[in-house]
Amino acid sequence: MSVQDEIKRITAPDIRGRKGGKPIVSLTSYHAHTARLLDRHCDFILVGDSLGMVMHGLESTVPVTLEMMILQGQAVMRGTKRALVVVDMPFGSYEASREQAFASAARIMKETGCGAIKLEGGSRMAGTIAFLAERGIPVMGHVGLTPQAIHALGSFRAQGRREEEWAAIEADAAAVAEAGAFAVVLEAMAEPLAARITRSVATPTIGIGASAACDGQILVTPDLLGMLPWFSLKHVKPGLNAAEQMRTVVRDWKDSVTNRK
């Protein structure tokens, strides 16, 4: 019996079927070795365009290219056997037309072997999501704070802090769900709003800085590990201070070399 026969990889329909059930666990990964460590614990692993900031030191996700996403998607697929791998569609690869979105998504899936893609945007992207879903591409939606729109938003601030903003965000989530997304990320929004959306849509919600009531949760792995101490987020309590541990190990290595130990 082959390894492929022994381990069944989680699929987008599996995630969709978890609505209202056991919470969905997810983290980001950008390379094979981290993906291998996360694989047994995560239901899906997101190859996020956050790699632009946490790997390349960019100020936002906007400069990330399709080629960057494909390269890291290939690495994560090599490191996993069980988790569904979802790859972010980077800014500029899907907004121009439904046809552009299909071409980019098809390239990602063919060249990485991943099981789904994710794109940002609510009502304005509903037609694109439906177009992709009808053509066999599983799509994860993303509403609330959408980092690719940072230049329009002005800052990485939580959405829906005023109740008069709720209706538009709720409409975005509903449009994405109705268009056929198998799950939708709710990022950085008021807790009561995220809980309300979770109750109202038929597709699973994945929270990040949203609400414990969401059907699942995701974090950027370097944030969880405390690898980026200069970039703090209210919704993240690091489980490790990896940056300080790395400093200590490097300092000790330097001392052992300079002292000829």
Protein backbone atom coordinates (compact mmCIF):
# COMPACT_ATOMS: atom_id res chain seq x y z
CA MET A 1 0.00 0.00 0.00
CA SER A 2 1.41 3.40 -0.97
CA VAL A 3 1.67 6.45 1.30
CA GLN A 4 -0.96 8.10 -0.90
CA ASP A 5 -3.34 5.23 -0.13
CA GLU A 6 -2.64 5.39 3.61
CA ILE A 7 -3.17 9.12 4.09
CA LYS A 8 -6.25 10.83 2.66
CA ARG A 9 -5.71 14.52 2.02
CA ILE A 10 -8.42 16.85 3.31
CA THR A 11 -10.40 18.52 0.52
CA ALA A 12 -12.36 21.75 0.09
CA PRO A 13 -15.69 19.84 0.38
CA ASP A 14 -14.43 18.37 3.68
CA ILE A 15 -13.87 21.89 5.01
CA ARG A 16 -17.27 23.06 3.74
CA GLY A 17 -18.85 20.13 5.60
CA ARG A 18 -17.42 21.34 8.92
CA LYS A 19 -19.90 24.26 9.18
CA GLY A 20 -21.13 24.38 12.75
CA GLY A 21 -19.05 21.34 13.69
CA LYS A 22 -15.59 20.71 15.10
CA PRO A 23 -13.54 23.93 14.82
CA ILE A 24 -11.30 24.15 11.75
CA VAL A 25 -7.59 24.64 12.53
CA SER A 26 -5.29 26.51 10.17
CA LEU A 27 -1.92 28.24 10.02
CA THR A 28 0.19 29.72 7.24
CA SER A 29 3.31 28.16 5.78
CA TYR A 30 5.73 29.19 3.07
CA HIS A 31 8.23 26.33 2.87
CA ALA A 32 8.39 22.56 3.04
CA HIS A 33 9.96 22.06 6.48
CA THR A 34 7.44 24.22 8.37
CA ALA A 35 4.61 22.66 6.37
CA ARG A 36 5.79 19.19 7.44
CA LEU A 37 5.58 20.24 11.11
CA LEU A 38 2.12 21.76 10.71
CA ASP A 39 0.60 19.05 8.52
CA ARG A 40 -0.65 16.67 11.21
CA HIS A 41 -2.21 19.49 13.26
CA CYS A 42 -3.90 21.67 10.63
CA ASP A 43 -7.03 21.01 8.59
CA PHE A 44 -5.78 23.42 5.95
CA ILE A 45 -2.52 25.27 5.46
CA LEU A 46 -2.58 28.65 3.75
CA VAL A 47 0.30 29.70 1.56
CA GLY A 48 -0.44 33.32 2.28
CA ASP A 49 0.72 36.36 0.36
CA SER A 50 1.81 37.46 3.85
CA LEU A 51 5.07 35.84 2.73
CA GLY A 52 5.88 39.20 1.17
CA MET A 53 6.04 40.78 4.62
CA VAL A 54 7.31 37.92 6.81
CA MET A 55 9.82 36.42 4.35
CA HIS A 56 10.86 39.29 2.12
CA GLY A 57 10.52 42.28 4.44
CA LEU A 58 8.02 44.11 2.23
CA GLU A 59 5.78 46.76 3.77
CA SER A 60 2.61 45.16 2.41
CA THR A 61 1.41 42.19 0.36
CA VAL A 62 0.84 44.32 -2.74
CA PRO A 63 4.22 43.66 -4.45
CA VAL A 64 3.88 39.84 -4.17
CA THR A 65 3.84 38.14 -7.59
CA LEU A 66 2.14 35.06 -8.98
CA GLU A 67 5.55 33.44 -9.42
CA MET A 68 6.37 33.95 -5.73
CA MET A 69 3.10 32.28 -4.71
CA ILE A 70 3.65 29.35 -7.05
CA LEU A 71 7.22 28.77 -5.86
CA GLN A 72 6.23 28.68 -2.18
CA GLY A 73 3.09 26.71 -2.96
CA GLN A 74 5.21 24.00 -4.54
CA ALA A 75 7.41 23.90 -1.43
CA VAL A 76 4.44 23.58 0.94
CA MET A 77 2.91 20.81 -1.14
CA ARG A 78 6.18 18.88 -0.90
CA GLY A 79 6.00 19.14 2.89
CA THR A 80 2.41 17.97 3.32
CA LYS A 81 0.40 14.78 2.93
CA ARG A 82 -2.76 15.41 4.93
CA ALA A 83 -3.80 19.08 5.14
CA LEU A 84 -5.64 20.88 2.38
CA VAL A 85 -3.23 23.42 0.89
CA VAL A 86 -4.78 26.76 -0.11
CA VAL A 87 -2.71 29.28 -2.09
CA ASP A 88 -3.41 33.02 -2.05
CA MET A 89 -4.06 34.79 -5.33
CA PRO A 90 -1.75 37.84 -5.22
CA PHE A 91 -2.82 41.41 -5.98
CA GLY A 92 -3.17 42.05 -9.70
CA SER A 93 -3.64 38.40 -10.66
CA TYR A 94 -7.44 38.23 -10.63
CA GLU A 95 -9.14 41.64 -10.37
CA ALA A 96 -9.11 42.68 -14.06
CA SER A 97 -11.58 40.05 -15.28
CA ARG A 98 -13.05 36.65 -14.56
CA GLU A 99 -10.94 35.25 -17.36
CA GLN A 100 -7.76 36.65 -15.83
CA ALA A 101 -8.75 35.12 -12.50
CA PHE A 102 -9.35 31.71 -14.07
CA ALA A 103 -6.02 31.77 -15.91
CA SER A 104 -4.13 32.68 -12.73
CA ALA A 105 -5.98 30.18 -10.55
CA ALA A 106 -5.57 27.38 -13.08
CA ARG A 107 -1.84 28.10 -13.29
CA ILE A 108 -1.49 28.00 -9.49
CA MET A 109 -3.35 24.71 -9.20
CA LYS A 110 -1.57 23.04 -12.13
CA GLU A 111 1.93 24.14 -11.11
CA THR A 112 1.62 23.55 -7.35
CA GLY A 113 -0.90 20.73 -7.06
CA CYS A 114 -2.75 22.63 -4.31
CA GLY A 115 -6.40 21.94 -3.51
CA ALA A 116 -7.82 25.48 -3.51
CA ILE A 117 -7.08 29.16 -3.95
CA LYS A 118 -8.05 32.20 -1.88
CA LEU A 119 -8.91 35.68 -3.08
CA GLU A 120 -9.87 38.89 -1.33
CA GLY A 121 -13.02 40.95 -1.77
CA GLY A 122 -16.72 40.72 -1.07
CA SER A 123 -19.64 41.64 -3.31
CA ARG A 124 -17.39 42.99 -6.05
CA MET A 125 -15.69 39.60 -6.40
CA ALA A 126 -18.81 37.42 -6.12
CA GLY A 127 -19.14 37.05 -9.89
CA THR A 128 -15.51 35.98 -10.16
CA ILE A 129 -15.90 33.44 -7.35
CA ALA A 130 -18.95 31.94 -9.07
CA PHE A 131 -17.09 31.84 -12.40
CA LEU A 132 -14.19 29.93 -10.84
CA ALA A 133 -16.37 27.59 -8.78
CA GLU A 134 -18.44 26.68 -11.84
CA ARG A 135 -15.21 25.68 -13.58
CA GLY A 136 -13.97 23.35 -10.86
CA ILE A 137 -11.72 25.67 -8.86
CA PRO A 138 -12.41 25.63 -5.10
CA VAL A 139 -12.36 29.21 -3.80
CA MET A 140 -11.90 30.49 -0.26
CA GLY A 141 -13.18 34.03 0.22
CA HIS A 142 -11.75 36.80 2.40
CA VAL A 143 -13.67 39.81 3.75
CA GLY A 144 -13.26 42.43 6.46
CA LEU A 145 -9.70 43.72 6.52
CA THR A 146 -8.30 42.89 3.08
CA PRO A 147 -4.53 43.57 3.15
CA GLN A 148 -4.20 43.81 -0.64
CA ALA A 149 -6.38 46.95 -0.44
CA ILE A 150 -4.14 48.57 2.17
CA HIS A 151 -3.49 51.67 0.02
CA ALA A 152 -7.24 52.25 -0.26
CA LEU A 153 -7.95 51.44 3.41
CA GLY A 154 -5.05 53.56 4.66
CA SER A 155 -4.00 51.27 7.50
CA PHE A 156 -4.27 47.75 8.89
CA ARG A 157 -7.17 48.72 11.15
CA ALA A 158 -10.04 46.54 12.29
CA GLN A 159 -13.22 46.76 10.26
CA GLY A 160 -16.75 47.18 11.58
CA ARG A 161 -15.82 49.07 14.71
CA ARG A 162 -18.91 51.23 14.16
CA GLU A 163 -22.24 49.44 13.89
CA GLU A 164 -23.25 51.50 10.86
CA GLU A 165 -20.43 49.72 8.96
CA TRP A 166 -21.83 46.26 9.64
CA ALA A 167 -24.41 46.03 6.85
CA ALA A 168 -21.81 46.39 4.07
CA ILE A 169 -19.50 43.78 5.60
CA GLU A 170 -22.38 41.38 6.17
CA ALA A 171 -23.43 41.84 2.55
CA ASP A 172 -19.87 41.07 1.42
CA ALA A 173 -19.77 37.81 3.40
CA ALA A 174 -23.20 36.76 2.17
CA ALA A 175 -22.27 37.47 -1.46
CA VAL A 176 -19.08 35.40 -1.21
CA ALA A 177 -20.92 32.49 0.42
CA GLU A 178 -23.77 32.56 -2.11
CA ALA A 179 -21.29 32.71 -5.00
CA GLY A 180 -19.95 29.29 -4.03
CA ALA A 181 -16.91 29.88 -1.78
CA PHE A 182 -16.30 26.77 0.33
CA ALA A 183 -15.16 28.94 3.27
CA VAL A 184 -14.62 32.62 4.00
CA VAL A 185 -11.91 34.30 6.08
CA LEU A 186 -13.15 37.07 8.40
CA GLU A 187 -10.17 39.25 9.21
CA ALA A 188 -9.83 41.95 11.86
CA MET A 189 -13.43 42.82 12.56
CA ALA A 190 -15.59 43.52 15.57
CA GLU A 191 -16.29 40.32 17.52
CA PRO A 192 -20.11 40.69 17.55
CA LEU A 193 -20.11 41.27 13.79
CA ALA A 194 -17.99 38.19 13.06
CA ALA A 195 -20.22 36.07 15.30
CA ARG A 196 -23.31 37.42 13.55
CA ILE A 197 -21.89 36.66 10.11
CA THR A 198 -20.95 33.14 11.24
CA ARG A 199 -24.56 32.51 12.28
CA SER A 200 -26.00 33.90 9.05
CA VAL A 201 -23.92 32.31 6.26
CA ALA A 202 -24.06 28.66 5.22
CA THR A 203 -20.33 28.40 4.52
CA PRO A 204 -17.71 28.00 7.29
CA THR A 205 -16.07 31.17 8.56
CA ILE A 206 -12.36 31.28 9.43
CA GLY A 207 -11.48 34.00 11.92
CA ILE A 208 -8.28 35.96 12.28
CA GLY A 209 -8.68 38.70 14.84
CA ALA A 210 -12.46 38.26 14.57
CA SER A 211 -14.43 35.99 16.94
CA ALA A 212 -14.08 32.71 18.80
CA ALA A 213 -17.56 31.95 17.43
CA CYS A 214 -16.15 31.49 13.92
CA ASP A 215 -16.14 27.97 12.51
CA GLY A 216 -12.34 27.97 12.48
CA GLN A 217 -9.26 30.08 13.17
CA ILE A 218 -6.06 30.95 11.31
CA LEU A 219 -2.90 32.79 12.27
CA VAL A 220 0.29 33.76 10.46
CA THR A 221 2.73 31.18 11.84
CA PRO A 222 5.67 33.58 12.42
CA ASP A 223 3.30 35.71 14.55
CA LEU A 224 2.31 32.67 16.62
CA LEU A 225 5.96 31.74 17.15
CA GLY A 226 7.09 35.24 18.13
CA MET A 227 9.49 35.52 15.22
CA LEU A 228 8.55 39.13 14.42
CA PRO A 229 8.71 41.00 17.75
CA TRP A 230 8.85 44.37 15.98
CA PHE A 231 5.36 43.79 14.52
CA SER A 232 2.76 43.27 17.25
CA LEU A 233 -0.91 42.45 16.69
CA LYS A 234 -3.69 42.68 19.27
CA HIS A 235 -5.21 39.35 18.20
CA VAL A 236 -1.98 37.36 18.57
CA LYS A 237 -0.51 36.10 21.83
CA PRO A 238 2.74 34.42 20.73
CA GLY A 239 3.21 30.94 22.12
CA LEU A 240 6.98 31.24 21.79
CA ASN A 241 9.66 33.93 21.71
CA ALA A 242 11.52 32.41 18.80
CA ALA A 243 13.28 35.66 17.91
CA GLU A 244 14.95 35.92 21.31
CA GLN A 245 15.85 32.23 21.30
CA MET A 246 17.46 32.65 17.88
CA ARG A 247 19.43 35.67 19.10
CA THR A 248 20.73 33.65 22.04
CA VAL A 249 21.77 30.68 19.90
CA VAL A 250 23.51 32.94 17.35
CA ARG A 251 25.31 34.89 20.08
CA ASP A 252 26.49 31.63 21.69
CA TRP A 253 27.68 30.36 18.30
CA LYS A 254 29.58 33.58 17.70
CA ASP A 255 31.23 33.32 21.13
CA SER A 256 32.20 29.67 20.54
CA VAL A 257 33.86 30.62 17.23
CA THR A 258 35.67 33.73 18.42
CA ASN A 259 36.90 31.90 21.54
CA ARG A 260 38.00 28.93 19.43
CA LYS A 261 35.77 26.53 21.36
